Amino acid sequence: MTQTAPSLPSDFIRDIIDDDMKTGKHGGRVATRFPPEPNGYPHIGHAKSVCLNFGIATQYGGTCNLRLDDTDPSGESMEYVESIIRDVKWLGFDWGNRLYYASDYYEKLYQYALALIRKGKAYVCDLSADEIREYRGTLTEPGKESPYRGRSIEENLDLFGRMRAGEFADGTRVLRAKIDMSSPNVTLRDPIMYRIKKENHYRTGDAWCIYPMYDFAHCLSDFIEGITHSICTLEFENNRPLYDWFLDQSVEWPRPRQIEFARLNLSYTVMSKRKLLELVENKVVAGWDDPQMPTLSGMRRRGFTPEAIRKFCEKIGVSKNDSLIDMALLENCVRDDLNEKALRVMAVLRPLRVVIDNYPEEQVEMLDCPYHPKNAEMGSRKVPFSRELLIEQEDFMEIPPKKFFRLSLGREVRLRYGYFIKCTGVVKDPGSGKITEIHCTYDPETKSGFAPDGRKVDATIHWVPAAHSIPAEVRLYDRLFRVPDALSEEGDFTTYLNPKSREILKSCRLEPSLAAAAQGDRFQFERLGYFCLDSGDSSKDAPVFNRTVTLRDAWAKIAEKGR
């Protein structure tokens, strides 16, 4: 389903567009684009850009293109392209027939480069990469001109053509723009436009051995597609004069305008594709779609919803100042969304057997259990109730502390949707002394949840039927890092990984209705959190459920205790 944005809060980008609409710039047309590089899976930071670009296009009745900026064959692949297409669609956005690739424009970009050479605005340089850096100067010292800067137009055209023909080895020559080696903006000190890379491109194969640099290709790709507002993140602010210079030298008006906004920085994870690739390659995680990852594929597999992510992006808004957004805000958006739509079911993660001694041994009754306490339209299911049940180990203590209100010897609690039970004894393992089974009695008059004599209990606990429950593996996911901003800490960022970011429980039992769950289905396991049937490792014999998020912000409690 396509996401619409009929009314969104104003921000400085929309203020710019409003002014352009008033003056009739671009004929009142608004055209944006989402231009990821296909060198990794998109993450939650990209979702902010996706929502912004597509949201603006929808709001102003314009268009938004999806363009893969594939100007560097190393590290790019169709796998990454497919992940980008899949994730943008999953977020709820549609680009129609406007799927483009920078590689679509290679010949046009080459012709633009030739035109700059003919104008004396570009030259072939033989300096090595290290020499180019040395000649570029510093923020306080101007650069030095390359000894090859004075080559004639004819020589430059000849050399550039031979670069394209594959005559020279990688790194031996580049094409540079001839701008100003003394510019206070280092970006304008004769930047590289083309480099030699004899690598196979995932789309064009070996048709090209020279590839345009991002700064050269991006602005001209925007122009070719008729983009009006080229919205990018703040790290490209210093590159805006270069964006404009290439357009000034190459094309006529009207031209796109580059506008920068602050990228998303999210606590307890990393937003660098290079760092995420390191985690994948070093097998710290199981892949780009590992539910521990901040990638959209990982979040989808973990159970995050596109609606929650869009709401999160709306809440954080758009600004010009970098900041670190608390992961708790994203998690709360997920909770709010799932609270409305997730079916409530019962699961026991660490089972403890309960035997109700006074319940008939062969009797099984079907209890009607609603799927949502506030939405009858979501329906209900039948859960079998019998003499032997399973409860959470943490819901019983033989010798409880003062404020423990769940089940203990001599204490009575209510079973969710069922009866009052009272613990009468325990069975322990002779060797370890560990409690393996508890015995109880039940009051058959309390099926409604109330006792006829008016007595009350302090707690209601969930359960599953021992004989009718289904086995499952449950993975408890948490923050990927144990510090808010691992990249700002000293040393290797991986030393700050959270060792408890994933806990695997293999002896879990679920109520029988979950046998019909499909991959990707989301549920609230009552009293435990929100969970999703894994789309990667699950099977009919051994379903795997991933914890999406806890019912409450457990990390806020930890922080409060620390204070």
Protein backbone atom coordinates (compact mmCIF):
# COMPACT_ATOMS: atom_id res chain seq x y z
CA MET A 1 0.00 0.00 0.00
CA THR A 2 1.38 3.41 -0.95
CA GLN A 3 1.99 5.78 1.93
CA THR A 4 0.48 9.24 1.67
CA ALA A 5 1.44 12.37 3.56
CA PRO A 6 -1.45 14.86 3.22
CA SER A 7 -0.32 17.08 6.06
CA LEU A 8 3.11 17.14 7.65
CA PRO A 9 4.75 19.62 10.04
CA SER A 10 6.71 22.40 8.40
CA ASP A 11 10.50 22.46 8.42
CA PHE A 12 13.24 24.46 6.75
CA ILE A 13 13.20 22.24 3.64
CA ARG A 14 9.46 22.61 3.16
CA ASP A 15 9.84 26.37 3.78
CA ILE A 16 12.29 26.50 0.86
CA ILE A 17 9.90 24.55 -1.35
CA ASP A 18 6.98 26.78 -0.30
CA ASP A 19 8.98 29.85 -1.40
CA ASP A 20 9.83 28.18 -4.71
CA MET A 21 6.17 27.38 -5.28
CA LYS A 22 5.19 31.01 -4.61
CA THR A 23 7.73 32.35 -7.10
CA GLY A 24 6.86 29.76 -9.75
CA LYS A 25 10.37 28.33 -9.79
CA HIS A 26 10.48 25.12 -11.81
CA GLY A 27 6.99 25.97 -13.02
CA GLY A 28 5.53 24.96 -9.68
CA ARG A 29 6.94 21.46 -10.11
CA VAL A 30 8.48 19.43 -7.25
CA ALA A 31 10.67 16.44 -8.08
CA THR A 32 12.83 14.68 -5.52
CA ARG A 33 14.82 11.45 -5.51
CA PHE A 34 16.14 8.87 -3.08
CA PRO A 35 19.67 8.05 -4.34
CA PRO A 36 21.32 5.25 -2.30
CA GLU A 37 24.59 3.63 -3.28
CA PRO A 38 24.09 -0.15 -3.72
CA ASN A 39 26.99 -1.12 -1.46
CA GLY A 40 25.02 -2.37 1.55
CA TYR A 41 21.54 -2.90 2.89
CA PRO A 42 19.54 0.24 3.77
CA HIS A 43 19.25 1.01 7.48
CA ILE A 44 17.01 3.11 9.70
CA GLY A 45 19.04 6.20 8.78
CA HIS A 46 18.09 5.71 5.14
CA ALA A 47 14.45 5.41 6.21
CA LYS A 48 14.57 9.04 7.33
CA SER A 49 15.69 10.11 3.84
CA VAL A 50 13.14 7.81 2.16
CA CYS A 51 10.28 9.24 4.22
CA LEU A 52 11.48 12.80 3.66
CA ASN A 53 11.92 12.58 -0.11
CA PHE A 54 8.82 10.55 -0.87
CA GLY A 55 6.79 12.45 1.73
CA ILE A 56 7.66 15.83 0.20
CA ALA A 57 6.82 14.57 -3.30
CA THR A 58 3.43 13.32 -2.11
CA GLN A 59 2.69 16.45 -0.09
CA TYR A 60 3.33 18.77 -3.03
CA GLY A 61 1.79 16.58 -5.72
CA GLY A 62 5.21 15.91 -7.23
CA THR A 63 7.34 12.87 -8.01
CA CYS A 64 10.14 11.01 -6.28
CA ASN A 65 12.58 8.83 -8.22
CA LEU A 66 14.45 5.86 -6.88
CA ARG A 67 17.97 6.06 -8.28
CA LEU A 68 20.82 3.69 -7.54
CA ASP A 69 24.03 5.74 -7.54
CA ASP A 70 26.23 2.92 -8.78
CA THR A 71 29.42 4.77 -9.73
CA ASP A 72 31.87 2.52 -7.90
CA PRO A 73 31.88 -1.14 -9.04
CA SER A 74 33.84 -2.32 -6.00
CA GLY A 75 31.42 -3.51 -3.35
CA GLU A 76 28.27 -2.91 -5.40
CA SER A 77 25.97 -5.78 -6.29
CA MET A 78 22.49 -6.70 -7.47
CA GLU A 79 21.85 -8.17 -4.01
CA TYR A 80 22.14 -4.69 -2.54
CA VAL A 81 19.96 -3.22 -5.30
CA GLU A 82 17.25 -5.77 -4.58
CA SER A 83 17.43 -5.07 -0.86
CA ILE A 84 16.97 -1.34 -1.48
CA ILE A 85 13.99 -1.88 -3.78
CA ARG A 86 12.42 -4.35 -1.36
CA ASP A 87 12.88 -2.12 1.69
CA VAL A 88 11.58 1.09 0.11
CA LYS A 89 8.48 -0.81 -1.04
CA TRP A 90 8.10 -2.30 2.44
CA LEU A 91 8.16 1.20 3.95
CA GLY A 92 5.11 1.91 1.80
CA PHE A 93 6.43 4.09 -1.01
CA ASP A 94 6.06 3.79 -4.77
CA TRP A 95 8.24 5.37 -7.46
CA GLY A 96 6.05 4.20 -10.35
CA ASN A 97 8.16 3.68 -13.47
CA ARG A 98 10.92 5.99 -12.23
CA LEU A 99 13.59 3.48 -11.22
CA TYR A 100 16.94 4.74 -12.49
CA TYR A 101 20.64 3.98 -12.18
CA ALA A 102 23.60 6.33 -12.44
CA SER A 103 25.04 3.67 -14.75
CA ASP A 104 22.17 4.49 -17.15
CA TYR A 105 23.95 7.81 -17.73
CA TYR A 106 27.55 6.66 -18.17
CA GLU A 107 27.72 7.73 -21.81
CA LYS A 108 26.06 11.08 -21.11
CA LEU A 109 28.39 11.71 -18.19
CA TYR A 110 31.37 10.87 -20.38
CA GLN A 111 30.17 13.42 -22.92
CA TYR A 112 29.78 16.05 -20.17
CA ALA A 113 33.38 15.32 -19.14
CA LEU A 114 34.58 15.74 -22.73
CA ALA A 115 32.77 19.08 -22.91
CA LEU A 116 34.55 20.30 -19.78
CA ILE A 117 37.91 19.28 -21.26
CA ARG A 118 37.10 21.22 -24.45
CA LYS A 119 36.26 24.28 -22.33
CA GLY A 120 39.60 24.00 -20.57
CA LYS A 121 37.84 23.11 -17.32
CA ALA A 122 39.20 19.57 -16.88
CA TYR A 123 42.54 17.84 -17.36
CA VAL A 124 44.17 14.42 -17.09
CA CYS A 125 46.53 14.21 -14.12
CA ASP A 126 49.29 11.62 -13.64
CA LEU A 127 49.92 12.28 -9.94
CA SER A 128 49.46 9.31 -7.64
CA ALA A 129 46.71 9.34 -5.01
CA ASP A 130 49.25 10.18 -2.30
CA GLU A 131 50.72 13.01 -4.38
CA ILE A 132 47.26 14.44 -5.07
CA ARG A 133 46.60 14.52 -1.33
CA GLU A 134 49.97 16.18 -0.73
CA TYR A 135 49.39 18.80 -3.44
CA ARG A 136 45.89 19.57 -2.15
CA GLY A 137 47.18 21.48 0.89
CA THR A 138 45.41 21.83 4.23
CA LEU A 139 42.61 23.86 5.74
CA THR A 140 45.12 26.61 6.54
CA GLU A 141 47.49 26.27 3.56
CA PRO A 142 46.59 26.52 -0.13
CA GLY A 143 47.26 23.65 -2.47
CA LYS A 144 49.83 23.42 -5.28
CA GLU A 145 48.90 23.05 -8.91
CA SER A 146 49.59 19.72 -10.53
CA PRO A 147 52.47 19.75 -13.03
CA TYR A 148 49.98 18.25 -15.52
CA ARG A 149 47.45 21.05 -15.11
CA GLY A 150 48.77 22.89 -18.15
CA ARG A 151 48.23 20.08 -20.66
CA SER A 152 46.61 21.17 -23.89
CA ILE A 153 43.00 20.43 -24.64
CA GLU A 154 44.07 18.10 -27.44
CA GLU A 155 46.39 16.11 -25.17
CA ASN A 156 43.73 15.84 -22.48
CA LEU A 157 41.13 14.63 -24.96
CA ASP A 158 43.58 12.06 -26.30
CA LEU A 159 44.57 10.79 -22.85
CA PHE A 160 41.00 10.66 -21.57
CA GLY A 161 39.94 8.64 -24.62
CA ARG A 162 42.81 6.24 -24.03
CA MET A 163 41.80 5.98 -20.37
CA ARG A 164 38.37 4.86 -21.52
CA ALA A 165 39.90 2.41 -23.97
CA GLY A 166 41.70 0.67 -21.12
CA GLU A 167 45.23 1.57 -22.18
CA PHE A 168 46.41 2.60 -18.71
CA ALA A 169 46.62 0.71 -15.42
CA ASP A 170 44.50 1.45 -12.37
CA GLY A 171 45.66 4.47 -10.40
CA THR A 172 48.01 5.81 -13.08
CA ARG A 173 45.79 8.64 -14.32
CA VAL A 174 42.66 10.51 -13.27
CA LEU A 175 40.54 13.24 -14.80
CA ARG A 176 40.35 16.32 -12.59
CA ALA A 177 38.25 19.46 -12.71
CA LYS A 178 40.29 22.65 -13.14
CA ILE A 179 38.88 24.98 -10.48
CA ASP A 180 41.06 26.68 -7.84
CA MET A 181 43.92 25.10 -5.90
CA SER A 182 43.92 28.05 -3.47
CA SER A 183 40.21 27.91 -2.67
CA PRO A 184 39.44 27.99 1.08
CA ASN A 185 37.01 25.14 0.33
CA VAL A 186 39.32 22.16 -0.12
CA THR A 187 36.61 20.38 -2.12
CA LEU A 188 37.15 22.88 -4.95
CA ARG A 189 40.89 22.23 -5.25
CA ASP A 190 40.76 20.42 -8.57
CA PRO A 191 38.63 17.45 -7.49
CA ILE A 192 38.80 14.11 -9.28
CA MET A 193 36.03 13.51 -11.81
CA TYR A 194 37.04 10.08 -13.19
CA ARG A 195 39.36 7.30 -12.08
CA ILE A 196 40.50 4.08 -13.74
CA LYS A 197 39.01 0.93 -12.22
CA LYS A 198 39.27 -2.24 -14.22
CA GLU A 199 36.58 -3.99 -12.25
CA ASN A 200 33.46 -5.71 -13.49
CA HIS A 201 30.33 -3.65 -12.91
CA TYR A 202 27.25 -5.58 -11.79
CA ARG A 203 25.16 -3.95 -14.58
CA THR A 204 27.55 -2.83 -17.32
CA GLY A 205 30.05 -5.68 -17.03
CA ASP A 206 33.40 -4.73 -18.55
CA ALA A 207 32.00 -2.09 -20.91
CA TRP A 208 33.70 0.62 -18.85
CA CYS A 209 37.03 0.78 -17.07
CA ILE A 210 36.71 4.42 -16.01
CA TYR A 211 34.05 5.45 -13.53
CA PRO A 212 32.79 8.91 -12.55
CA MET A 213 33.18 10.14 -9.00
CA TYR A 214 30.02 10.64 -6.97
CA ASP A 215 30.28 14.45 -6.89
CA PHE A 216 30.46 14.64 -10.68
CA ALA A 217 27.79 12.03 -11.42
CA HIS A 218 25.26 12.98 -8.78
CA CYS A 219 24.49 16.55 -9.73
CA LEU A 220 24.30 15.75 -13.45
CA SER A 221 22.10 12.71 -12.80
CA ASP A 222 19.79 15.03 -10.87
CA PHE A 223 19.70 17.38 -13.85
CA ILE A 224 19.09 14.60 -16.36
CA GLU A 225 16.11 13.38 -14.33
CA GLY A 226 14.65 16.87 -13.88
CA ILE A 227 15.07 16.89 -10.12
CA THR A 228 14.09 20.22 -8.56
CA HIS A 229 15.23 19.73 -4.96
CA SER A 230 18.22 17.48 -4.31
CA ILE A 231 17.91 16.67 -0.61
CA CYS A 232 20.96 15.11 1.01
CA THR A 233 22.59 14.77 4.42
CA LEU A 234 24.70 17.37 6.14
CA GLU A 235 28.10 15.86 5.31
CA PHE A 236 27.58 17.05 1.71
CA GLU A 237 27.23 20.72 2.73
CA ASN A 238 30.87 21.49 1.89
CA ASN A 239 30.35 19.77 -1.45
CA ARG A 240 27.45 22.00 -2.47
CA PRO A 241 29.72 24.58 -4.21
CA LEU A 242 31.15 21.71 -6.26
CA TYR A 243 27.64 20.46 -7.04
CA ASP A 244 26.80 23.95 -8.31
CA TRP A 245 30.11 24.37 -10.17
CA PHE A 246 29.63 21.24 -12.26
CA LEU A 247 26.10 22.37 -13.13
CA ASP A 248 27.26 25.93 -13.90
CA GLN A 249 29.86 24.63 -16.31
CA SER A 250 27.76 21.92 -17.93
CA VAL A 251 24.06 22.74 -18.23
CA GLU A 252 21.52 25.50 -18.61
CA TRP A 253 18.77 26.53 -16.21
CA PRO A 254 16.51 25.37 -14.63
CA ARG A 255 18.76 23.32 -12.37
CA PRO A 256 18.27 21.33 -9.17
CA ARG A 257 19.07 22.88 -5.81
CA GLN A 258 20.97 20.89 -3.20
CA ILE A 259 19.58 21.14 0.36
CA GLU A 260 21.24 19.45 3.32
CA PHE A 261 19.68 18.10 6.50
CA ALA A 262 21.08 16.35 9.56
CA ARG A 263 21.41 12.60 9.19
CA LEU A 264 19.92 10.23 11.72
CA ASN A 265 22.23 9.12 14.51
CA LEU A 266 20.58 6.51 16.71
CA SER A 267 21.87 5.46 20.13
CA TYR A 268 23.11 1.94 20.93
CA THR A 269 23.81 1.10 17.28
CA VAL A 270 25.87 2.38 14.33
CA MET A 271 24.72 4.05 11.11
CA SER A 272 27.89 3.56 9.08
CA LYS A 273 27.52 1.04 6.26
CA ARG A 274 31.25 0.46 6.43
CA LYS A 275 31.00 -0.48 10.12
CA LEU A 276 27.93 -2.61 9.51
CA LEU A 277 29.76 -4.41 6.69
CA GLU A 278 32.59 -5.08 9.14
CA LEU A 279 30.13 -6.73 11.54
CA VAL A 280 28.79 -8.89 8.70
CA GLU A 281 32.18 -9.87 7.26
CA ASN A 282 33.62 -10.70 10.69
CA LYS A 283 30.51 -12.77 11.48
CA VAL A 284 29.70 -10.72 14.57
CA VAL A 285 26.15 -10.90 13.19
CA ALA A 286 24.56 -13.52 10.95
CA GLY A 287 24.12 -11.18 7.98
CA TRP A 288 22.67 -7.87 6.87
CA ASP A 289 19.19 -9.04 7.90
CA ASP A 290 20.23 -10.19 11.37
CA PRO A 291 17.55 -8.86 13.78
CA GLN A 292 20.32 -7.24 15.84
CA MET A 293 21.18 -4.96 12.91
CA PRO A 294 19.70 -1.48 12.35
CA THR A 295 19.03 -2.40 8.72
CA LEU A 296 15.44 -2.28 7.54
CA SER A 297 15.70 -5.97 6.63
CA GLY A 298 16.86 -6.76 10.16
CA MET A 299 14.15 -4.64 11.72
CA ARG A 300 11.48 -6.24 9.53
CA ARG A 301 12.69 -9.70 10.54
CA ARG A 302 12.68 -8.65 14.18
CA GLY A 303 9.06 -7.51 13.88
CA PHE A 304 9.25 -3.73 13.48
CA THR A 305 6.41 -2.35 11.36
CA PRO A 306 6.74 0.15 8.50
CA GLU A 307 4.06 2.27 10.16
CA ALA A 308 6.13 2.54 13.33
CA ILE A 309 9.25 3.51 11.40
CA ARG A 310 7.37 6.15 9.42
CA LYS A 311 5.91 7.53 12.66
CA PHE A 312 9.38 7.62 14.20
CA CYS A 313 10.75 9.56 11.21
CA GLU A 314 7.86 12.00 11.51
CA LYS A 315 8.51 12.49 15.24
CA ILE A 316 12.23 13.22 14.93
CA GLY A 317 11.58 15.75 12.16
CA VAL A 318 14.17 17.49 10.01
CA SER A 319 16.86 19.88 11.22
CA LYS A 320 20.27 21.30 10.32
CA ASN A 321 21.92 20.17 13.57
CA ASP A 322 23.37 16.74 14.21
CA SER A 323 22.08 14.99 17.32
CA LEU A 324 21.90 11.51 18.82
CA ILE A 325 18.33 10.20 18.90
CA ASP A 326 17.50 7.84 21.76
CA MET A 327 16.68 4.30 20.66
CA ALA A 328 13.85 4.39 23.22
CA LEU A 329 11.90 6.75 20.95
CA LEU A 330 11.96 4.25 18.09
CA GLU A 331 11.04 1.40 20.43
CA ASN A 332 8.11 3.39 21.82
CA CYS A 333 6.83 4.00 18.30
CA VAL A 334 6.96 0.25 17.72
CA ARG A 335 5.14 -0.44 21.01
CA ASP A 336 2.44 2.10 20.22
CA ASP A 337 1.83 0.58 16.80
CA LEU A 338 1.87 -3.06 17.91
CA ASN A 339 -0.31 -2.29 20.93
CA GLU A 340 -3.14 -1.56 18.52
CA LYS A 341 -2.70 -4.41 16.06
CA ALA A 342 -0.83 -7.34 17.67
CA LEU A 343 -2.86 -10.36 18.78
CA ARG A 344 -2.44 -11.23 22.47
CA VAL A 345 -1.40 -14.84 23.02
CA MET A 346 0.28 -16.86 25.78
CA ALA A 347 3.78 -18.29 25.73
CA VAL A 348 6.05 -19.65 28.44
CA LEU A 349 9.75 -19.02 27.83
CA ARG A 350 11.23 -20.87 30.82
CA PRO A 351 8.69 -23.54 31.70
CA LEU A 352 7.87 -24.87 35.16
CA ARG A 353 5.35 -27.73 35.38
CA VAL A 354 2.19 -27.23 37.45
CA VAL A 355 -0.03 -30.16 38.47
CA ILE A 356 -3.54 -29.29 39.67
CA ASP A 357 -4.21 -32.21 41.96
CA ASN A 358 -7.98 -31.76 42.29
CA TYR A 359 -8.62 -31.25 38.55
CA PRO A 360 -9.98 -34.39 36.77
CA GLU A 361 -7.11 -36.23 35.07
CA GLU A 362 -8.80 -36.85 31.71
CA GLN A 363 -10.71 -33.58 31.52
CA VAL A 364 -9.88 -30.88 28.96
CA GLU A 365 -11.98 -27.76 28.70
CA MET A 366 -11.65 -25.05 26.10
CA LEU A 367 -11.35 -21.56 27.52
CA ASP A 368 -12.39 -18.66 25.33
CA CYS A 369 -9.55 -16.11 25.26
CA PRO A 370 -9.92 -12.75 23.47
CA TYR A 371 -7.14 -11.66 21.14
CA HIS A 372 -7.28 -8.05 22.34
CA PRO A 373 -8.71 -6.63 25.58
CA LYS A 374 -9.99 -3.45 23.93
CA ASN A 375 -10.88 -4.60 20.44
CA ALA A 376 -13.54 -7.29 20.27
CA GLU A 377 -13.42 -7.19 16.46
CA MET A 378 -10.06 -8.96 16.59
CA GLY A 379 -11.91 -12.04 17.83
CA SER A 380 -10.82 -14.79 20.20
CA ARG A 381 -9.42 -18.32 20.26
CA LYS A 382 -9.93 -21.44 22.35
CA VAL A 383 -7.09 -22.53 24.63
CA PRO A 384 -7.28 -26.02 26.19
CA PHE A 385 -7.13 -26.17 29.98
CA SER A 386 -6.20 -29.42 31.71
CA ARG A 387 -4.67 -30.87 34.85
CA GLU A 388 -1.06 -30.18 33.87
CA LEU A 389 0.06 -26.72 32.87
CA LEU A 390 3.30 -24.80 32.35
CA ILE A 391 4.07 -21.40 33.90
CA GLU A 392 7.14 -19.19 33.94
CA GLN A 393 9.81 -20.21 36.42
CA GLU A 394 10.03 -16.62 37.63
CA ASP A 395 6.34 -16.68 38.55
CA PHE A 396 7.03 -19.05 41.46
CA MET A 397 9.24 -18.69 44.51
CA GLU A 398 9.31 -21.16 47.37
CA ILE A 399 10.44 -18.54 49.87
CA PRO A 400 9.42 -15.20 48.37
CA PRO A 401 10.62 -11.72 49.39
CA LYS A 402 8.16 -9.30 50.90
CA LYS A 403 6.92 -7.70 47.66
CA PHE A 404 6.66 -10.87 45.60
CA PHE A 405 2.97 -11.22 44.71
CA ARG A 406 3.03 -14.20 42.38
CA LEU A 407 2.76 -17.89 43.20
CA SER A 408 4.42 -19.34 46.31
CA LEU A 409 3.65 -22.02 48.90
CA GLY A 410 0.21 -21.40 50.38
CA ARG A 411 -0.46 -18.39 48.12
CA GLU A 412 -3.28 -18.09 45.61
CA VAL A 413 -3.11 -16.47 42.17
CA ARG A 414 -5.35 -16.32 39.14
CA LEU A 415 -4.49 -18.06 35.88
CA ARG A 416 -5.07 -15.79 32.91
CA TYR A 417 -8.59 -16.40 31.49
CA GLY A 418 -8.97 -19.23 34.01
CA TYR A 419 -9.23 -20.25 37.62
CA PHE A 420 -7.72 -19.36 40.96
CA ILE A 421 -5.00 -21.84 41.98
CA LYS A 422 -3.17 -22.28 45.30
CA CYS A 423 0.25 -23.89 45.69
CA THR A 424 0.29 -26.84 48.07
CA GLY A 425 3.74 -28.35 47.49
CA VAL A 426 6.84 -28.66 45.33
CA VAL A 427 8.91 -31.47 43.81
CA LYS A 428 12.69 -31.02 43.67
CA ASP A 429 15.46 -32.74 41.81
CA PRO A 430 17.27 -34.94 44.39
CA GLY A 431 20.69 -34.05 43.05
CA SER A 432 20.48 -30.30 42.46
CA GLY A 433 17.63 -29.35 44.72
CA LYS A 434 16.08 -27.41 41.85
CA ILE A 435 12.28 -27.23 41.79
CA THR A 436 11.01 -29.30 38.84
CA GLU A 437 7.28 -29.34 39.55
CA ILE A 438 4.77 -27.59 41.75
CA HIS A 439 1.44 -28.94 42.95
CA CYS A 440 -1.68 -26.86 43.35
CA THR A 441 -5.41 -27.02 43.89
CA TYR A 442 -7.93 -24.98 41.96
CA ASP A 443 -11.26 -23.43 42.86
CA PRO A 444 -13.82 -24.51 40.23
CA GLU A 445 -16.06 -21.57 41.21
CA THR A 446 -13.56 -18.97 39.95
CA LYS A 447 -13.69 -19.62 36.21
CA SER A 448 -15.13 -16.16 35.65
CA GLY A 449 -12.06 -14.64 37.27
CA PHE A 450 -13.89 -13.79 40.47
CA ALA A 451 -14.46 -15.76 43.65
CA PRO A 452 -18.08 -16.09 44.85
CA ASP A 453 -17.00 -15.20 48.38
CA GLY A 454 -15.45 -11.97 47.17
CA ARG A 455 -11.84 -12.86 47.98
CA LYS A 456 -9.19 -11.37 45.73
CA VAL A 457 -5.73 -12.38 44.60
CA ASP A 458 -2.69 -10.17 44.15
CA ALA A 459 -1.54 -11.46 40.77
CA THR A 460 -2.64 -12.99 37.46
CA ILE A 461 -0.08 -15.16 35.67
CA HIS A 462 -0.05 -16.62 32.18
CA TRP A 463 0.28 -20.30 31.33
CA VAL A 464 0.08 -22.85 28.52
CA PRO A 465 -1.33 -26.39 28.60
CA ALA A 466 1.48 -28.93 29.02
CA ALA A 467 0.05 -31.57 26.68
CA HIS A 468 -1.30 -29.26 23.99
CA SER A 469 1.42 -26.60 23.83
CA ILE A 470 3.85 -26.44 20.93
CA PRO A 471 7.65 -26.21 21.24
CA ALA A 472 9.51 -23.18 19.95
CA GLU A 473 12.80 -21.38 20.03
CA VAL A 474 12.63 -17.78 21.21
CA ARG A 475 15.36 -15.21 20.66
CA LEU A 476 15.44 -12.27 23.03
CA TYR A 477 17.00 -9.31 21.20
CA ASP A 478 18.26 -6.18 22.90
CA ARG A 479 20.50 -3.19 22.16
CA LEU A 480 23.42 -4.04 19.87
CA PHE A 481 25.88 -1.94 21.90
CA ARG A 482 26.17 -1.36 25.64
CA VAL A 483 27.03 2.34 25.23
CA PRO A 484 24.93 4.99 23.45
CA ASP A 485 27.58 6.03 20.89
CA ALA A 486 30.23 3.35 20.33
CA LEU A 487 31.93 5.27 17.52
CA SER A 488 32.70 8.19 19.83
CA GLU A 489 34.40 5.96 22.40
CA GLU A 490 38.12 5.18 22.44
CA GLY A 491 39.42 2.10 20.67
CA ASP A 492 37.73 -0.45 18.44
CA PHE A 493 33.98 0.11 18.35
CA THR A 494 33.34 -3.64 18.50
CA THR A 495 34.68 -3.78 22.07
CA TYR A 496 31.47 -2.02 23.09
CA LEU A 497 29.15 -4.66 21.68
CA ASN A 498 26.49 -5.76 24.13
CA PRO A 499 27.14 -9.42 25.06
CA LYS A 500 23.46 -9.75 25.92
CA SER A 501 22.13 -8.37 22.65
CA ARG A 502 20.74 -11.83 21.86
CA GLU A 503 19.68 -14.63 24.20
CA ILE A 504 18.43 -17.89 22.69
CA LEU A 505 15.86 -19.96 24.61
CA LYS A 506 15.25 -23.40 23.13
CA SER A 507 12.73 -24.96 25.54
CA CYS A 508 9.87 -22.51 25.16
CA ARG A 509 6.26 -23.61 24.86
CA LEU A 510 3.46 -21.76 23.08
CA GLU A 511 -0.30 -21.97 23.17
CA PRO A 512 -1.57 -24.19 20.31
CA SER A 513 -3.13 -21.34 18.28
CA LEU A 514 0.37 -20.24 17.31
CA ALA A 515 0.81 -23.36 15.19
CA ALA A 516 -1.10 -21.46 12.49
CA ALA A 517 1.22 -18.41 12.58
CA ALA A 518 2.85 -17.36 9.32
CA GLN A 519 6.36 -15.99 8.92
CA GLY A 520 6.40 -12.31 9.80
CA ASP A 521 3.25 -12.46 11.96
CA ARG A 522 3.53 -10.33 15.09
CA PHE A 523 2.07 -11.06 18.51
CA GLN A 524 2.11 -9.82 22.05
CA PHE A 525 3.19 -12.65 24.32
CA GLU A 526 1.20 -11.60 27.36
CA ARG A 527 3.34 -10.11 30.12
CA LEU A 528 6.53 -10.77 28.08
CA GLY A 529 6.68 -8.40 25.12
CA TYR A 530 6.06 -8.27 21.38
CA PHE A 531 7.35 -11.11 19.22
CA CYS A 532 7.51 -11.98 15.53
CA LEU A 533 7.69 -15.35 13.79
CA ASP A 534 11.13 -15.33 12.20
CA SER A 535 11.23 -15.19 8.41
CA GLY A 536 14.71 -16.66 8.14
CA ASP A 537 15.20 -19.67 10.42
CA SER A 538 11.68 -20.83 11.25
CA SER A 539 10.22 -24.14 10.15
CA LYS A 540 7.00 -26.01 10.88
CA ASP A 541 8.87 -28.36 13.20
CA ALA A 542 10.75 -25.70 15.13
CA PRO A 543 9.27 -22.20 14.85
CA VAL A 544 11.56 -19.37 15.90
CA PHE A 545 10.11 -16.23 17.42
CA ASN A 546 12.13 -13.03 17.72
CA ARG A 547 11.44 -10.53 20.46
CA THR A 548 10.65 -7.26 18.76
CA VAL A 549 10.53 -5.08 21.85
CA THR A 550 9.72 -5.42 25.53
CA LEU A 551 6.42 -4.18 26.94
CA ARG A 552 8.26 -1.39 28.76
CA ASP A 553 11.52 0.43 28.30
CA ALA A 554 13.77 -1.85 30.34
CA TRP A 555 16.83 0.27 29.55
CA ALA A 556 15.17 3.33 31.07
CA LYS A 557 14.75 1.35 34.30
CA ILE A 558 18.42 0.33 34.20
CA ALA A 559 19.47 3.95 33.68
CA GLU A 560 17.23 5.10 36.52
CA LYS A 561 18.77 2.52 38.88
CA GLY A 562 22.21 3.75 37.85
CA ARG A 563 21.29 7.31 38.72
